[in-house]
Amino acid sequence: MPTIEFAGRTLEVNEEGFLLHPEEWDDDLAGTWPGPRRASRP
């Protein structure tokens, strides 16, 4: 299976790039994900 290196961790992904083990996704990884940030609401 393909893997990606992210935040110092190796994660297995399928051919489409989705995590094979979504339980590995945690708050530490989510905080470092380079995706778009939502604007905070007042």
Protein backbone atom coordinates (compact mmCIF):
# COMPACT_ATOMS: atom_id res chain seq x y z
CA MET A 1 0.00 0.00 0.00
CA PRO A 2 1.15 3.56 -0.61
CA THR A 3 2.11 5.74 2.34
CA ILE A 4 2.42 9.44 3.05
CA GLU A 5 4.80 11.13 5.48
CA PHE A 6 3.03 13.76 7.53
CA ALA A 7 4.07 15.52 10.74
CA GLY A 8 6.84 12.97 11.27
CA ARG A 9 4.49 10.00 10.94
CA THR A 10 3.99 7.48 8.15
CA LEU A 11 0.33 6.87 7.27
CA GLU A 12 -0.98 4.19 4.92
CA VAL A 13 -3.36 5.37 2.22
CA ASN A 14 -5.31 3.61 -0.50
CA GLU A 15 -4.87 4.23 -4.22
CA GLU A 16 -7.18 7.25 -3.98
CA GLY A 17 -5.20 8.82 -1.13
CA PHE A 18 -7.66 8.08 1.69
CA LEU A 19 -6.36 6.85 5.05
CA LEU A 20 -6.56 3.09 5.49
CA HIS A 21 -6.62 3.48 9.26
CA PRO A 22 -8.63 6.63 10.04
CA GLU A 23 -8.23 5.96 13.76
CA GLU A 24 -4.62 7.16 13.32
CA TRP A 25 -5.93 10.68 12.62
CA ASP A 26 -5.84 12.62 15.85
CA ASP A 27 -5.84 16.19 17.15
CA ASP A 28 -2.06 16.47 16.75
CA LEU A 29 -2.24 15.64 13.05
CA ALA A 30 -5.30 17.80 12.50
CA GLY A 31 -3.51 20.79 14.01
CA THR A 32 -0.65 20.49 11.54
CA TRP A 33 -2.68 19.73 8.40
CA PRO A 34 -1.86 22.37 5.74
CA GLY A 35 -5.43 22.58 4.45
CA PRO A 36 -7.59 25.70 4.36
CA ARG A 37 -8.44 27.32 7.65
CA ARG A 38 -11.93 28.47 8.48
CA ALA A 39 -12.44 32.05 9.49
CA SER A 40 -13.52 32.42 13.08
CA ARG A 41 -16.90 33.95 13.71
CA PRO A 42 -17.33 36.89 16.06
